[in-house]
Protein backbone atom coordinates (compact mmCIF):
# COMPACT_ATOMS: atom_id res chain seq x y z
CA MET A 1 -14.88 5.96 20.47
CA ALA A 2 -12.19 8.67 20.57
CA LYS A 3 -12.02 8.73 16.78
CA SER A 4 -15.75 9.45 16.48
CA ILE A 5 -15.34 12.30 18.95
CA PHE A 6 -12.54 13.74 16.82
CA ASP A 7 -14.80 13.68 13.77
CA LYS A 8 -17.52 15.63 15.56
CA MET A 9 -15.31 18.59 16.48
CA GLU A 10 -16.48 21.68 14.62
CA ASN A 11 -13.67 24.19 15.25
CA ILE A 12 -10.07 24.58 16.31
CA GLN A 13 -11.02 25.65 19.81
CA GLU A 14 -12.74 22.32 20.47
CA VAL A 15 -9.75 20.47 19.04
CA ASN A 16 -7.34 22.35 21.31
CA ARG A 17 -9.49 21.74 24.38
CA MET A 18 -9.58 18.03 23.61
CA ALA A 19 -5.81 18.07 23.03
CA ALA A 20 -5.22 19.72 26.41
CA GLU A 21 -7.29 17.02 28.13
CA LEU A 22 -5.47 14.20 26.32
CA ARG A 23 -2.15 15.75 27.32
CA ARG A 24 -3.25 16.01 30.93
CA LEU A 25 -4.16 12.31 30.90
CA GLY A 26 -0.90 11.37 29.19
CA MET A 27 -2.70 9.73 26.23
CA ARG A 28 0.08 10.23 23.70
CA GLU A 29 -1.22 7.88 20.98
CA LYS A 30 -4.66 9.48 20.88
CA LEU A 31 -3.09 12.91 20.97
CA LYS A 32 -0.89 11.98 17.99
CA GLU A 33 -3.95 10.75 16.13
CA LEU A 34 -5.66 14.09 16.74
CA ALA A 35 -2.53 15.96 15.67
CA ASP A 36 -2.22 14.03 12.40
CA LYS A 37 -5.87 14.60 11.63
CA ASN A 38 -5.35 18.36 11.96
CA ARG A 39 -2.07 18.53 9.99
CA VAL A 40 0.09 19.34 13.02
CA MET A 41 3.82 19.06 12.41
CA ASP A 42 5.70 16.42 14.38
CA GLU A 43 7.88 19.02 16.08
CA ASP A 44 4.82 21.03 17.15
CA PHE A 45 3.18 17.87 18.44
CA GLU A 46 6.25 17.02 20.50
CA ALA A 47 6.45 20.59 21.79
CA PHE A 48 2.80 20.51 22.82
CA PHE A 49 3.08 17.14 24.54
CA LEU A 50 6.12 18.33 26.50
CA GLY A 51 4.35 21.52 27.54
CA LYS A 52 6.38 23.86 25.35
CA ARG A 53 3.29 24.88 23.39
CA TYR A 54 0.02 26.06 24.85
CA PHE A 55 -2.17 24.95 21.94
CA LEU A 56 -1.92 21.92 19.66
CA VAL A 57 -3.42 23.48 16.52
CA ASP A 58 -2.51 26.92 15.24
CA ALA A 59 -5.58 28.85 14.12
CA GLY A 60 -3.54 30.54 11.41
CA GLU A 61 -3.32 34.15 10.37
CA THR A 62 -5.96 36.76 10.94
CA GLN A 63 -8.85 36.28 8.52
CA LYS A 64 -10.77 39.44 9.36
CA THR A 65 -10.06 43.10 8.78
CA TYR A 66 -9.95 45.30 11.88
CA ASP A 67 -9.92 49.06 12.17
CA THR A 68 -8.15 49.08 15.52
CA ALA A 69 -5.82 46.84 17.48
CA ARG A 70 -8.25 46.83 20.41
CA ALA A 71 -11.02 45.38 18.23
CA LYS A 72 -8.70 42.62 17.02
CA ILE A 73 -7.48 41.65 20.49
CA MET A 74 -10.99 41.60 21.99
CA ASP A 75 -12.24 39.40 19.12
CA GLU A 76 -9.33 37.00 19.59
CA MET A 77 -9.92 36.82 23.34
CA LEU A 78 -13.54 35.89 22.67
CA THR A 79 -12.55 33.27 20.10
CA LEU A 80 -9.85 31.62 22.24
CA ASN A 81 -12.12 31.56 25.27
CA GLU A 82 -9.09 31.11 27.55
CA PRO A 83 -10.19 32.77 30.82
CA LEU A 84 -6.86 32.43 32.61
CA PHE A 85 -3.76 32.75 30.49
CA GLY A 86 -5.42 34.18 27.37
CA ASN A 87 -7.49 36.82 29.09
CA VAL A 88 -4.60 37.99 31.28
CA ILE A 89 -2.32 38.52 28.30
CA GLY A 90 -5.16 40.02 26.26
CA SER A 91 -5.96 42.54 28.99
CA TYR A 92 -2.34 43.65 29.10
CA LEU A 93 -2.29 44.08 25.31
CA LEU A 94 -5.38 46.29 25.48
CA GLN A 95 -3.45 48.60 27.78
CA CYS A 96 -0.52 48.74 25.37
CA CYS A 97 -2.64 49.74 22.35
CA SER A 98 -2.30 53.42 23.22
CA GLU A 99 1.48 53.29 22.86
CA PRO A 100 2.86 54.82 19.65
CA GLY A 101 3.53 52.27 16.90
CA PHE A 102 2.23 49.31 18.90
CA GLN A 103 -1.18 49.24 17.22
CA GLU A 104 0.42 48.71 13.80
CA SER A 105 2.36 45.72 15.17
CA VAL A 106 -0.82 44.11 16.52
CA LEU A 107 -2.74 44.61 13.26
CA GLN A 108 -0.25 42.52 11.24
CA GLU A 109 -2.07 39.49 9.82
CA HIS A 110 0.48 36.94 10.96
CA LYS A 111 0.46 38.30 14.53
CA THR A 112 -2.23 36.70 16.70
CA LEU A 113 -3.01 36.37 20.38
CA GLN A 114 -2.73 32.60 20.15
CA ARG A 115 0.77 32.81 18.69
CA CYS A 116 1.67 35.33 21.35
CA LEU A 117 0.76 32.82 24.04
CA GLU A 118 2.85 30.17 22.27
CA TYR A 119 5.83 32.51 22.21
CA VAL A 120 5.51 33.18 25.94
CA MET A 121 5.25 29.43 26.64
CA GLU A 122 8.35 28.77 24.56
CA GLN A 123 10.35 31.38 26.47
CA ALA A 124 9.18 30.01 29.81
CA TYR A 125 10.03 26.46 28.75
CA GLY A 126 13.57 27.60 28.05
CA LEU A 127 13.98 28.39 31.75
CA LEU A 128 13.52 24.76 32.78
CA ASP A 129 16.52 22.56 33.45
CA GLU A 130 16.90 19.16 31.76
CA ASN A 131 15.45 17.20 34.68
CA GLN A 132 12.35 19.37 34.74
CA LYS A 133 11.90 18.95 30.98
CA LYS A 134 12.13 15.16 31.29
CA ALA A 135 9.59 15.13 34.13
CA ARG A 136 7.13 17.09 31.93
CA ARG A 137 4.08 16.47 34.10
CA ASN A 138 3.62 18.31 37.39
CA THR A 139 6.41 20.69 36.40
CA ALA A 140 6.06 24.44 36.72
CA VAL A 141 8.30 27.46 36.55
CA ALA A 142 7.73 30.73 38.35
CA VAL A 143 8.07 33.80 36.15
CA VAL A 144 7.43 37.31 37.37
CA SER A 145 4.72 39.22 35.53
CA ASP A 146 7.17 41.85 34.29
CA GLN A 147 9.16 39.16 32.50
CA VAL A 148 6.00 37.70 30.94
CA PHE A 149 4.79 41.08 29.70
CA GLU A 150 8.22 41.82 28.25
CA TRP A 151 7.99 38.60 26.23
CA VAL A 152 4.52 39.64 25.03
CA LYS A 153 5.79 42.94 23.66
CA ASN A 154 8.84 41.26 22.15
CA TYR A 155 6.58 38.90 20.20
CA TYR A 156 4.69 41.71 18.47
CA THR A 157 7.87 43.56 17.55
CA LEU A 158 9.66 40.41 16.35
CA ASP A 159 10.04 40.09 12.56
CA ASP A 160 9.06 36.41 12.11
CA LYS A 161 6.94 36.50 8.93
CA ALA A 162 9.52 34.75 6.73
CA ALA A 163 10.11 32.06 9.37
CA LEU A 164 6.36 31.40 9.64
CA GLU A 165 6.04 31.05 5.86
CA GLU A 166 8.92 28.57 5.80
CA LYS A 167 7.31 26.61 8.61
CA ARG A 168 3.97 26.55 6.75
CA LYS A 169 5.60 25.07 3.64
CA LYS A 170 7.40 22.48 5.74
CA ALA A 171 4.13 21.50 7.42
CA GLU A 172 2.38 21.07 4.06
CA LYS A 173 5.21 18.89 2.72
CA GLU A 174 5.24 16.78 5.87
CA PHE A 175 1.49 16.25 5.66
CA ALA A 176 1.70 15.30 1.97
CA ASP A 177 4.52 12.82 2.61
CA ARG A 178 2.65 11.31 5.54
CA ASN A 179 -0.42 10.67 3.40
CA LYS A 180 1.35 9.61 0.21
CA PRO A 181 0.02 6.25 -1.06
CA LYS A 182 2.50 3.44 -0.47
CA GLU A 183 3.34 0.91 -3.13
CA ASN A 184 2.10 -2.56 -2.32
CA LYS A 185 5.24 -4.60 -2.96
CA ALA A 186 3.55 -7.80 -1.83
CA ALA A 187 0.82 -7.32 -4.41
CA GLY A 188 3.44 -6.75 -7.10
CA LYS A 189 5.21 -9.96 -6.17
CA GLY A 190 1.93 -11.82 -6.20
CA THR A 191 1.16 -10.50 -9.66
CA SER A 192 4.56 -11.60 -10.93
CA LYS A 193 4.04 -15.06 -9.48
CA LYS A 194 0.63 -15.31 -11.10
CA LYS A 195 2.07 -14.26 -14.46
CA ALA A 196 4.88 -16.79 -14.10
CA ALA A 197 2.38 -19.50 -13.20
CA LYS A 198 0.22 -18.65 -16.22
CA THR A 199 3.28 -18.69 -18.50
CA SER A 200 4.40 -22.05 -17.08
CA LYS A 201 0.90 -23.49 -17.50
CA ALA A 202 0.69 -22.25 -21.09
CA SER A 203 4.11 -23.76 -21.80
CA LYS A 204 3.06 -27.12 -20.35
CA THR A 205 -0.16 -27.05 -22.37
CA SER A 206 1.82 -26.28 -25.52
CA LYS A 207 4.23 -29.14 -24.84
CA THR A 208 1.36 -31.56 -24.14
CA SER A 209 -0.38 -30.54 -27.38
CA LYS A 210 2.86 -30.99 -29.27
CA LYS A 211 3.39 -34.44 -27.79
CA SER A 212 -0.20 -35.41 -28.60
CA SER A 213 0.25 -34.20 -32.16
CA GLU A 214 3.48 -36.13 -32.52
CA ALA A 215 1.84 -39.22 -31.05
CA GLY A 216 -1.03 -38.88 -33.51
CA ILE A 217 1.35 -38.61 -36.45
CA SER A 218 3.39 -41.51 -35.14
CA GLY A 219 0.23 -43.57 -34.68
CA LYS A 220 -0.86 -42.90 -38.22
CA ALA A 221 2.57 -43.73 -39.52
CA GLY A 222 2.58 -46.92 -37.45
CA ALA A 223 -0.85 -47.94 -38.73
CA SER A 224 0.25 -47.25 -42.28
CA GLY A 225 3.43 -49.25 -41.72
CA ASN A 226 1.50 -52.15 -40.21
CA ALA A 227 -0.84 -52.24 -43.23
CA ALA A 228 2.12 -52.29 -45.60
CA ASP A 229 3.79 -55.06 -43.61
CA SER A 230 0.56 -57.09 -43.67
CA GLU A 231 0.25 -56.77 -47.43
CA LYS A 232 3.92 -57.71 -47.82
CA SER A 233 3.49 -60.76 -45.58
CA LEU A 234 0.41 -61.90 -47.52
CA ALA A 235 2.26 -61.53 -50.81
CA GLU A 236 5.17 -63.57 -49.46
CA LYS A 237 2.85 -66.31 -48.24
CA ARG A 238 1.13 -66.44 -51.63
CA GLU A 239 4.51 -66.74 -53.28
CA ILE A 240 5.48 -69.59 -50.94
CA GLY A 241 2.12 -71.29 -51.69
CA ASP A 242 2.76 -71.06 -55.40
CA MET A 243 6.23 -72.49 -54.99
CA LEU A 244 4.89 -75.42 -52.93
CA SER A 245 2.18 -76.05 -55.48
CA GLU A 246 4.71 -76.15 -58.32
CA ASN A 247 7.11 -78.41 -56.41
CA ILE A 248 4.58 -81.08 -55.52
CA GLN A 249 5.20 -83.85 -58.14
CA ALA A 250 3.77 -87.31 -58.53
CA GLU A 251 7.05 -88.96 -57.54
CA ASP A 252 6.96 -87.24 -54.22
CA LEU A 253 3.69 -88.97 -53.39
CA PRO A 254 3.51 -92.46 -51.94
CA GLU A 255 3.36 -95.31 -54.45
CA THR A 256 0.37 -96.81 -52.79
CA GLU A 257 -2.88 -95.61 -54.13
CA PRO A 258 -4.41 -93.36 -51.49
CA ASN A 259 -7.96 -93.91 -50.66
CA THR A 260 -10.52 -91.45 -51.75
CA SER A 261 -10.64 -89.53 -48.50
CA GLU A 262 -6.85 -89.08 -48.25
CA LYS A 263 -6.69 -88.01 -51.90
CA GLY A 264 -9.35 -85.42 -51.33
CA GLN A 265 -7.54 -84.19 -48.25
CA ILE A 266 -4.27 -83.79 -50.13
CA GLU A 267 -5.93 -82.09 -53.06
CA GLY A 268 -7.73 -79.83 -50.64
CA GLN A 269 -4.47 -78.87 -48.99
CA VAL A 270 -2.84 -78.11 -52.32
CA SER A 271 -5.84 -76.13 -53.37
CA MET A 272 -5.73 -74.12 -50.14
CA PHE A 273 -2.02 -73.31 -50.57
CA SER A 274 -2.55 -72.29 -54.17
CA MET A 275 -5.36 -69.94 -53.21
CA GLY A 276 -3.54 -68.59 -50.21
CA ALA A 277 -6.46 -69.24 -47.89
CA ALA A 278 -4.28 -71.03 -45.40
CA ALA A 279 -2.62 -67.75 -44.53
């Protein structure tokens, strides 16, 4: 719900009002989310949460061109819409515009009423002791108006342009680093494992194919060998049959005259051996 509210904010003033309410409620996580969304530096976020800063988001340098310091201050008072602190300081500045040289200080682009308030807050925060700083909430410091107005004039005469430029560059770098895409190491490991698995599978497939090919060749060789052995065996049996046929002589037969059926049986056996059919 809070995130959708953040998205609907149309200007910096709305963002700063929301930030002030979140700080009052002590909602640090939501305040940090709002700060990150608006490119607020970590140190500025911490300063705002501790009460050292008056606003969360800096509106930046002056974007308009003004003829007088009074016109600039009145426009900034209207934009900030801060009836207490902002209007009090703004009213004092309007009185100072008649002083020699002060108008030129106010018209500097990097000098704004919002940053003036931040400077005053920073000076006041420096008056707190460590226990008061740790307490943060429900902590206040009494500062006489003369001291506050002195800080206001000091801000406009302070040469802080170079420091602001350095801070701007630091903020841009911090924002870029915070939003830099992170490498997904887990995904990289997963990819490596998948590649290794594919390589292993391909290797196994290659080995299986090789074994199948070798088995096929071996089978063919075996079949060829079996055929050769069969032919050799048949030739040997024929040779044995021929030898038996040649060695059967009349004297080897019984002297008694075999009957017709026995004679036919013997002749049939000889005939079968000679032809090799018995194999």
